[in-house]
N, C-alpha and C. Protein backbone atom coordinates (compact mmCIF):
# COMPACT_ATOMS: atom_id res chain seq x y z
N MET A 1 -7.07 -12.38 19.27
CA MET A 1 -5.97 -13.05 18.62
C MET A 1 -4.71 -12.83 19.46
N GLN A 2 -4.01 -13.88 19.72
CA GLN A 2 -2.76 -13.78 20.46
C GLN A 2 -1.63 -14.36 19.62
N ILE A 3 -0.53 -13.64 19.61
CA ILE A 3 0.64 -14.08 18.86
C ILE A 3 1.68 -14.58 19.84
N ASP A 4 2.19 -15.75 19.58
CA ASP A 4 3.22 -16.35 20.43
C ASP A 4 4.47 -15.46 20.38
N GLU A 5 4.96 -15.07 21.55
CA GLU A 5 6.11 -14.17 21.63
C GLU A 5 7.38 -14.79 21.05
N THR A 6 7.45 -16.10 21.00
CA THR A 6 8.64 -16.75 20.43
C THR A 6 8.73 -16.50 18.93
N VAL A 7 7.59 -16.24 18.29
CA VAL A 7 7.59 -15.95 16.86
C VAL A 7 8.35 -14.65 16.59
N ALA A 8 8.08 -13.62 17.38
CA ALA A 8 8.77 -12.34 17.22
C ALA A 8 10.26 -12.49 17.48
N ALA A 9 10.62 -13.23 18.49
CA ALA A 9 12.04 -13.43 18.81
C ALA A 9 12.73 -14.19 17.69
N ARG A 10 12.06 -15.21 17.16
CA ARG A 10 12.64 -16.00 16.07
C ARG A 10 12.83 -15.14 14.81
N GLN A 11 11.84 -14.31 14.51
CA GLN A 11 11.94 -13.45 13.33
C GLN A 11 13.05 -12.41 13.50
N ALA A 12 13.19 -11.84 14.69
CA ALA A 12 14.26 -10.87 14.95
C ALA A 12 15.63 -11.53 14.79
N GLU A 13 15.73 -12.76 15.22
CA GLU A 13 16.99 -13.50 15.06
C GLU A 13 17.29 -13.75 13.59
N ARG A 14 16.28 -14.12 12.82
CA ARG A 14 16.47 -14.35 11.38
C ARG A 14 16.90 -13.06 10.67
N LEU A 15 16.29 -11.94 11.06
CA LEU A 15 16.63 -10.65 10.46
C LEU A 15 18.07 -10.27 10.78
N SER A 16 18.46 -10.47 12.01
CA SER A 16 19.84 -10.18 12.42
C SER A 16 20.84 -11.03 11.63
N LYS A 17 20.52 -12.30 11.46
CA LYS A 17 21.39 -13.20 10.70
C LYS A 17 21.48 -12.75 9.25
N LEU A 18 20.35 -12.38 8.65
CA LEU A 18 20.34 -11.90 7.27
C LEU A 18 21.24 -10.69 7.11
N ARG A 19 21.13 -9.75 8.04
CA ARG A 19 21.92 -8.52 7.94
C ARG A 19 23.42 -8.77 8.07
N THR A 20 23.81 -9.79 8.82
CA THR A 20 25.24 -10.08 8.94
C THR A 20 25.77 -10.85 7.74
N GLU A 21 24.90 -11.62 7.06
CA GLU A 21 25.35 -12.46 5.95
C GLU A 21 25.28 -11.77 4.59
N ARG A 22 24.45 -10.74 4.46
CA ARG A 22 24.33 -10.07 3.17
C ARG A 22 25.49 -9.11 2.96
N SER A 23 25.67 -8.68 1.73
CA SER A 23 26.70 -7.70 1.40
C SER A 23 26.14 -6.30 1.66
N SER A 24 26.58 -5.67 2.72
CA SER A 24 26.09 -4.34 3.06
C SER A 24 26.40 -3.32 1.98
N ASP A 25 27.56 -3.47 1.34
CA ASP A 25 27.93 -2.55 0.26
C ASP A 25 26.97 -2.68 -0.92
N GLU A 26 26.61 -3.92 -1.25
CA GLU A 26 25.69 -4.15 -2.37
C GLU A 26 24.30 -3.60 -2.05
N VAL A 27 23.83 -3.82 -0.85
CA VAL A 27 22.53 -3.29 -0.44
C VAL A 27 22.55 -1.77 -0.51
N ALA A 28 23.59 -1.15 0.01
CA ALA A 28 23.69 0.31 -0.02
C ALA A 28 23.72 0.83 -1.45
N ARG A 29 24.42 0.13 -2.32
CA ARG A 29 24.50 0.55 -3.73
C ARG A 29 23.13 0.46 -4.40
N ARG A 30 22.42 -0.64 -4.14
CA ARG A 30 21.10 -0.82 -4.76
C ARG A 30 20.07 0.17 -4.20
N LEU A 31 20.14 0.46 -2.91
CA LEU A 31 19.22 1.43 -2.33
C LEU A 31 19.52 2.84 -2.83
N SER A 32 20.78 3.14 -3.04
CA SER A 32 21.15 4.44 -3.59
C SER A 32 20.61 4.58 -5.02
N ALA A 33 20.71 3.51 -5.80
CA ALA A 33 20.17 3.54 -7.16
C ALA A 33 18.65 3.73 -7.12
N LEU A 34 18.00 3.09 -6.18
CA LEU A 34 16.54 3.26 -6.02
C LEU A 34 16.20 4.69 -5.68
N ARG A 35 16.94 5.29 -4.74
CA ARG A 35 16.69 6.69 -4.38
C ARG A 35 16.87 7.61 -5.57
N ASN A 36 17.95 7.40 -6.32
CA ASN A 36 18.20 8.25 -7.49
C ASN A 36 17.09 8.11 -8.52
N ALA A 37 16.65 6.90 -8.77
CA ALA A 37 15.57 6.68 -9.75
C ALA A 37 14.27 7.31 -9.26
N ALA A 38 14.01 7.25 -7.96
CA ALA A 38 12.78 7.79 -7.40
C ALA A 38 12.73 9.31 -7.51
N GLN A 39 13.87 9.94 -7.64
CA GLN A 39 13.90 11.40 -7.79
C GLN A 39 13.54 11.84 -9.20
N GLY A 40 13.53 10.89 -10.13
CA GLY A 40 13.19 11.21 -11.52
C GLY A 40 11.83 10.63 -11.89
N THR A 41 11.75 10.19 -13.13
CA THR A 41 10.47 9.67 -13.64
C THR A 41 10.59 8.22 -14.10
N GLU A 42 11.67 7.54 -13.74
CA GLU A 42 11.86 6.16 -14.16
C GLU A 42 10.89 5.21 -13.47
N ASN A 43 10.67 4.07 -14.11
CA ASN A 43 9.91 2.98 -13.50
C ASN A 43 10.74 2.43 -12.34
N LEU A 44 10.20 2.39 -11.16
CA LEU A 44 10.95 1.96 -9.98
C LEU A 44 10.99 0.45 -9.79
N MET A 45 10.15 -0.29 -10.50
CA MET A 45 10.09 -1.74 -10.29
C MET A 45 11.44 -2.44 -10.50
N PRO A 46 12.20 -2.15 -11.55
CA PRO A 46 13.50 -2.81 -11.69
C PRO A 46 14.43 -2.52 -10.51
N TYR A 47 14.38 -1.32 -10.00
CA TYR A 47 15.22 -0.94 -8.86
C TYR A 47 14.76 -1.63 -7.57
N LEU A 48 13.45 -1.77 -7.43
CA LEU A 48 12.92 -2.50 -6.28
C LEU A 48 13.34 -3.97 -6.34
N PHE A 49 13.24 -4.57 -7.52
CA PHE A 49 13.66 -5.97 -7.69
C PHE A 49 15.14 -6.13 -7.36
N ASP A 50 15.96 -5.20 -7.84
CA ASP A 50 17.40 -5.27 -7.56
C ASP A 50 17.68 -5.16 -6.06
N ALA A 51 16.96 -4.29 -5.39
CA ALA A 51 17.15 -4.14 -3.94
C ALA A 51 16.76 -5.43 -3.22
N VAL A 52 15.67 -6.03 -3.63
CA VAL A 52 15.22 -7.28 -3.01
C VAL A 52 16.23 -8.40 -3.28
N LYS A 53 16.73 -8.47 -4.51
CA LYS A 53 17.71 -9.50 -4.86
C LYS A 53 19.00 -9.38 -4.04
N SER A 54 19.30 -8.16 -3.58
CA SER A 54 20.50 -7.97 -2.76
C SER A 54 20.21 -8.17 -1.27
N TYR A 55 18.99 -8.62 -0.97
CA TYR A 55 18.54 -8.90 0.39
C TYR A 55 18.30 -7.64 1.22
N ALA A 56 17.94 -6.55 0.55
CA ALA A 56 17.47 -5.37 1.29
C ALA A 56 16.13 -5.75 1.91
N THR A 57 15.90 -5.33 3.13
CA THR A 57 14.64 -5.65 3.80
C THR A 57 13.56 -4.67 3.37
N LEU A 58 12.32 -5.02 3.66
CA LEU A 58 11.21 -4.13 3.38
C LEU A 58 11.42 -2.79 4.09
N GLY A 59 11.92 -2.85 5.32
CA GLY A 59 12.20 -1.62 6.07
C GLY A 59 13.26 -0.78 5.40
N ASP A 60 14.33 -1.42 4.89
CA ASP A 60 15.39 -0.70 4.17
C ASP A 60 14.81 0.03 2.96
N ILE A 61 13.98 -0.69 2.20
CA ILE A 61 13.40 -0.14 0.98
C ILE A 61 12.43 1.00 1.32
N CYS A 62 11.60 0.80 2.33
CA CYS A 62 10.65 1.86 2.72
C CYS A 62 11.38 3.10 3.21
N ASP A 63 12.46 2.91 3.96
CA ASP A 63 13.25 4.06 4.43
C ASP A 63 13.82 4.85 3.26
N ALA A 64 14.33 4.14 2.25
CA ALA A 64 14.88 4.81 1.07
C ALA A 64 13.80 5.59 0.33
N MET A 65 12.62 5.00 0.21
CA MET A 65 11.52 5.68 -0.47
C MET A 65 11.03 6.89 0.34
N ARG A 66 10.99 6.75 1.67
CA ARG A 66 10.58 7.87 2.51
C ARG A 66 11.54 9.04 2.39
N GLU A 67 12.82 8.76 2.20
CA GLU A 67 13.80 9.84 2.04
C GLU A 67 13.47 10.70 0.83
N VAL A 68 12.92 10.09 -0.20
CA VAL A 68 12.59 10.82 -1.42
C VAL A 68 11.18 11.41 -1.36
N PHE A 69 10.21 10.59 -0.97
CA PHE A 69 8.81 11.00 -1.06
C PHE A 69 8.21 11.52 0.24
N GLY A 70 8.88 11.28 1.36
CA GLY A 70 8.31 11.66 2.64
C GLY A 70 7.27 10.66 3.10
N THR A 71 6.56 11.01 4.14
CA THR A 71 5.54 10.13 4.71
C THR A 71 4.17 10.73 4.43
N TYR A 72 3.27 9.90 3.94
CA TYR A 72 1.91 10.36 3.67
C TYR A 72 1.19 10.66 4.98
N GLU A 73 0.55 11.80 5.03
CA GLU A 73 -0.27 12.16 6.18
C GLU A 73 -1.63 12.54 5.68
N GLU A 74 -2.62 11.78 6.10
CA GLU A 74 -3.99 12.03 5.67
C GLU A 74 -4.49 13.33 6.30
N ILE A 75 -5.18 14.09 5.51
CA ILE A 75 -5.78 15.33 5.99
C ILE A 75 -7.22 15.04 6.37
N ALA A 76 -7.54 15.27 7.62
CA ALA A 76 -8.90 15.02 8.11
C ALA A 76 -9.79 16.18 7.71
N ILE A 77 -10.90 15.82 7.09
CA ILE A 77 -11.87 16.85 6.71
C ILE A 77 -12.99 16.81 7.74
N THR A 78 -13.21 17.94 8.35
CA THR A 78 -14.24 18.00 9.39
C THR A 78 -15.39 18.86 8.96
């Protein structure tokens, strides 16, 4: 399988445009609310929806979740 390199360039350009057009303050506020909720026992889905509605990227959301939960590392059993 080969992926056309122009696809990656086009997607990077779209992401850059999104980041300049969205409200960075709103994204930061929504991601902060997600982090705070993740530290407790609340349902995270409403916070995830709010982050997406503010145009937070999947990477932004995953980074916020990693700050709270860390990164899963599989333990190899030998």
